[in-house]
N, C-alpha and C. Protein backbone atom coordinates (compact mmCIF):
# COMPACT_ATOMS: atom_id res chain seq x y z
N MET A 1 -39.38 -18.05 28.94
CA MET A 1 -38.91 -17.01 28.00
C MET A 1 -40.48 -16.42 27.45
N SER A 2 -40.62 -14.90 27.24
CA SER A 2 -41.75 -14.55 27.02
C SER A 2 -41.55 -14.55 25.72
N VAL A 3 -42.99 -14.09 24.93
CA VAL A 3 -43.23 -14.00 23.52
C VAL A 3 -42.11 -12.52 22.90
N ASP A 4 -41.96 -11.52 23.39
CA ASP A 4 -41.93 -10.32 23.74
C ASP A 4 -40.16 -10.65 23.50
N LYS A 5 -39.37 -11.10 24.36
CA LYS A 5 -37.98 -11.57 24.44
C LYS A 5 -37.45 -12.53 23.51
N LEU A 6 -38.83 -13.39 23.16
CA LEU A 6 -38.30 -14.42 22.15
C LEU A 6 -37.98 -13.53 20.91
N GLU A 7 -39.15 -12.63 20.35
CA GLU A 7 -38.91 -11.87 19.60
C GLU A 7 -37.67 -10.59 19.29
N THR A 8 -36.94 -10.30 20.03
CA THR A 8 -36.60 -9.20 20.64
C THR A 8 -34.84 -9.58 20.29
N LEU A 9 -35.19 -11.36 20.34
CA LEU A 9 -33.96 -12.34 20.37
C LEU A 9 -33.90 -12.96 18.94
N GLU A 10 -35.13 -12.95 18.49
CA GLU A 10 -34.89 -13.67 16.68
C GLU A 10 -34.62 -12.34 16.14
N VAL A 11 -34.93 -10.87 16.42
CA VAL A 11 -34.29 -9.79 15.96
C VAL A 11 -33.28 -9.51 15.94
N ARG A 12 -32.72 -9.84 17.01
CA ARG A 12 -31.10 -9.29 16.83
C ARG A 12 -30.39 -10.70 16.40
N VAL A 13 -30.73 -11.56 16.69
CA VAL A 13 -30.24 -12.96 15.70
C VAL A 13 -30.07 -12.50 14.23
N LYS A 14 -31.38 -12.29 13.69
CA LYS A 14 -31.25 -11.78 12.42
C LYS A 14 -30.71 -10.72 11.69
N LYS A 15 -29.96 -9.62 12.80
CA LYS A 15 -29.24 -8.76 12.47
C LYS A 15 -27.78 -9.25 12.71
N LEU A 16 -27.52 -10.35 13.13
CA LEU A 16 -25.83 -10.45 13.47
C LEU A 16 -25.54 -11.15 12.31
N LEU A 17 -26.68 -12.85 11.18
CA LEU A 17 -26.72 -12.92 10.38
C LEU A 17 -26.15 -12.44 9.21
N ASP A 18 -27.67 -11.01 8.94
CA ASP A 18 -27.26 -10.15 8.16
C ASP A 18 -26.04 -9.32 8.05
N LEU A 19 -24.95 -8.97 8.94
CA LEU A 19 -23.84 -8.44 9.36
C LEU A 19 -23.01 -9.50 8.73
N VAL A 20 -23.12 -10.76 9.21
CA VAL A 20 -22.20 -11.72 9.19
C VAL A 20 -22.23 -12.17 7.19
N ILE A 21 -22.91 -11.96 7.07
CA ILE A 21 -23.41 -12.12 5.70
C ILE A 21 -22.66 -10.92 5.00
N GLU A 22 -23.08 -9.64 5.26
CA GLU A 22 -22.04 -8.66 4.68
C GLU A 22 -20.76 -8.51 5.20
N LEU A 23 -20.13 -9.13 6.23
CA LEU A 23 -18.95 -9.30 6.40
C LEU A 23 -17.97 -10.00 5.22
N ARG A 24 -18.67 -11.24 5.19
CA ARG A 24 -18.29 -12.24 3.93
C ARG A 24 -18.45 -11.38 2.56
N GLN A 25 -19.03 -10.48 2.41
CA GLN A 25 -19.13 -10.07 1.19
C GLN A 25 -18.26 -8.61 0.71
N ASP A 26 -17.32 -8.40 2.15
CA ASP A 26 -17.13 -7.47 2.64
C ASP A 26 -15.50 -8.17 2.37
N LYS A 27 -14.87 -9.01 2.62
CA LYS A 27 -14.18 -9.81 2.71
C LYS A 27 -13.58 -10.78 1.77
N SER A 28 -14.85 -11.03 0.98
CA SER A 28 -14.52 -11.80 -0.67
C SER A 28 -14.14 -10.45 -1.35
N HIS A 29 -14.53 -9.34 -1.31
CA HIS A 29 -13.89 -8.28 -2.45
C HIS A 29 -13.13 -7.29 -1.47
N LEU A 30 -12.55 -7.67 -1.02
CA LEU A 30 -11.87 -7.14 -0.44
C LEU A 30 -10.06 -8.26 -0.74
N GLU A 31 -10.43 -9.34 -0.75
CA GLU A 31 -9.56 -10.38 -1.39
C GLU A 31 -9.27 -10.27 -2.73
N GLN A 32 -10.41 -9.90 -3.33
CA GLN A 32 -10.69 -9.39 -5.00
C GLN A 32 -9.70 -8.73 -5.25
N GLU A 33 -9.91 -7.66 -4.75
CA GLU A 33 -8.92 -6.09 -4.72
C GLU A 33 -7.73 -6.39 -4.54
N LEU A 34 -7.02 -7.16 -3.34
CA LEU A 34 -5.99 -7.13 -2.95
C LEU A 34 -5.24 -8.32 -4.27
N GLU A 35 -5.81 -8.80 -4.60
CA GLU A 35 -4.98 -10.19 -5.58
C GLU A 35 -5.13 -9.27 -6.62
N SER A 36 -5.63 -8.57 -6.67
CA SER A 36 -5.48 -7.61 -8.59
C SER A 36 -4.68 -6.48 -8.39
N THR A 37 -4.81 -6.11 -6.91
CA THR A 37 -3.04 -5.50 -6.61
C THR A 37 -1.83 -5.41 -6.71
N ARG A 38 -1.73 -6.90 -6.23
CA ARG A 38 -0.78 -7.44 -6.26
C ARG A 38 -0.28 -8.28 -7.73
N GLU A 39 -1.22 -8.29 -8.76
CA GLU A 39 -0.75 -8.44 -9.61
C GLU A 39 -0.01 -6.97 -10.31
N ARG A 40 -0.65 -5.80 -10.20
CA ARG A 40 -0.33 -4.45 -10.56
C ARG A 40 1.03 -4.59 -10.41
N LEU A 41 0.38 -4.29 -8.53
CA LEU A 41 2.38 -4.30 -8.49
C LEU A 41 3.50 -5.28 -9.14
N ALA A 42 3.33 -6.59 -9.26
CA ALA A 42 4.19 -7.63 -10.16
C ALA A 42 4.81 -7.26 -11.45
N LYS A 43 3.86 -6.33 -12.18
CA LYS A 43 3.03 -5.60 -13.41
C LYS A 43 4.59 -5.19 -13.68
N HIS A 44 4.35 -3.70 -12.44
CA HIS A 44 5.08 -2.53 -12.49
C HIS A 44 6.93 -3.06 -11.82
N GLU A 45 6.73 -4.50 -11.13
CA GLU A 45 7.98 -4.58 -10.91
C GLU A 45 9.21 -5.20 -11.96
N GLU A 46 8.18 -5.38 -12.70
CA GLU A 46 8.77 -6.46 -14.00
C GLU A 46 8.90 -5.13 -15.07
N MET A 47 8.20 -3.77 -14.87
CA MET A 47 8.18 -2.85 -16.10
C MET A 47 9.79 -2.41 -15.38
N SER A 48 9.90 -1.69 -14.54
CA SER A 48 11.36 -1.15 -13.53
C SER A 48 12.26 -1.68 -13.40
N GLU A 49 12.21 -3.26 -13.66
CA GLU A 49 13.23 -4.22 -14.12
C GLU A 49 13.97 -4.16 -15.06
N GLY A 50 12.73 -3.85 -16.55
CA GLY A 50 13.13 -3.33 -17.58
C GLY A 50 13.84 -1.97 -18.04
N TRP A 51 13.02 -1.42 -17.01
CA TRP A 51 13.99 0.08 -16.55
C TRP A 51 15.02 -0.05 -16.94
N GLU A 52 15.87 -0.72 -15.93
CA GLU A 52 17.31 -0.65 -14.90
C GLU A 52 17.79 -1.41 -16.28
N GLU A 53 17.22 -2.16 -16.87
CA GLU A 53 17.94 -2.66 -17.84
C GLU A 53 18.36 -1.66 -18.71
N GLU A 54 17.37 -1.49 -19.57
CA GLU A 54 17.53 -0.04 -20.38
C GLU A 54 18.29 0.70 -19.78
N ARG A 55 17.91 0.98 -18.49
CA ARG A 55 18.60 2.63 -18.36
C ARG A 55 20.48 2.09 -18.59
N THR A 56 21.27 0.57 -17.33
CA THR A 56 22.42 -0.02 -17.69
C THR A 56 22.85 0.10 -19.07
N THR A 57 22.29 0.07 -19.76
CA THR A 57 22.57 0.11 -21.47
C THR A 57 22.35 1.15 -22.02
N ILE A 58 21.83 2.00 -21.72
CA ILE A 58 22.10 3.29 -22.15
C ILE A 58 23.76 4.34 -21.82
N ARG A 59 23.47 3.51 -20.89
CA ARG A 59 24.65 4.29 -19.76
C ARG A 59 25.66 3.79 -20.47
N SER A 60 26.23 2.41 -20.85
CA SER A 60 27.14 1.69 -20.99
C SER A 60 27.48 2.00 -22.07
N ARG A 61 26.50 2.94 -23.81
CA ARG A 61 26.80 2.86 -24.67
C ARG A 61 27.14 4.13 -24.41
N ILE A 62 26.36 5.46 -24.14
CA ILE A 62 27.39 6.77 -23.84
C ILE A 62 28.11 6.72 -23.44
N GLU A 63 28.70 6.31 -22.28
CA GLU A 63 30.02 5.94 -21.32
C GLU A 63 31.45 5.47 -22.58
N LYS A 64 30.62 4.22 -24.02
CA LYS A 64 31.51 3.90 -24.95
C LYS A 64 31.53 5.43 -25.62
N VAL A 65 30.94 6.04 -25.80
CA VAL A 65 30.46 6.91 -27.05
C VAL A 65 31.64 8.40 -26.56
N LEU A 66 31.76 8.41 -25.62
CA LEU A 66 32.68 9.17 -24.02
C LEU A 66 33.57 9.22 -24.30
N GLY A 67 34.01 7.59 -24.81
CA GLY A 67 35.60 7.49 -24.94
C GLY A 67 35.77 7.62 -25.89
N GLU A 68 35.45 7.13 -26.83
CA GLU A 68 35.57 7.68 -28.17
C GLU A 68 35.46 8.83 -28.30
N LEU A 69 34.98 9.56 -27.77
CA LEU A 69 35.03 11.38 -28.23
C LEU A 69 36.29 12.16 -27.22
N GLU A 70 36.40 10.71 -26.26
CA GLU A 70 37.70 11.70 -25.76
C GLU A 70 39.14 11.04 -26.12
N PHE A 71 38.66 9.95 -26.66
CA PHE A 71 40.57 9.43 -27.58
C PHE A 71 40.86 10.08 -28.94
N LEU A 72 39.54 10.34 -29.47
CA LEU A 72 39.38 11.81 -31.29
C LEU A 72 40.34 13.02 -29.87
N ASP A 73 40.07 13.41 -29.21
CA ASP A 73 39.91 14.33 -28.40
C ASP A 73 41.71 14.51 -28.71
N ARG A 74 41.94 13.22 -27.49
CA ARG A 74 43.33 13.39 -27.19
C ARG A 74 44.52 13.17 -28.61
N SER A 75 43.72 12.68 -29.65
CA SER A 75 44.43 12.50 -30.83
C SER A 75 44.64 13.82 -31.68
N ASN A 76 43.26 14.86 -31.55
CA ASN A 76 44.26 15.54 -32.23
C ASN A 76 44.89 16.99 -31.49
N ASP A 77 45.49 16.43 -30.13
CA ASP A 77 46.28 17.29 -29.15
C ASP A 77 47.68 17.40 -30.31
């Protein structure tokens, strides 16, 4: 193998190593971002469940008040 070919091979190997390092860093960054996104999603799901419970409670109370108003309305007739 000539010296020129060896130098060309070394340059290519160095570029590949640099690319592997860059890809590993990108992978690590994306894994962190994914974990952060999953945590935010879990928090949003918890909030959504809380809002659904609150909505159900409010609906129940409104139906109760409407029932009482309806009873009063029928009592006056």
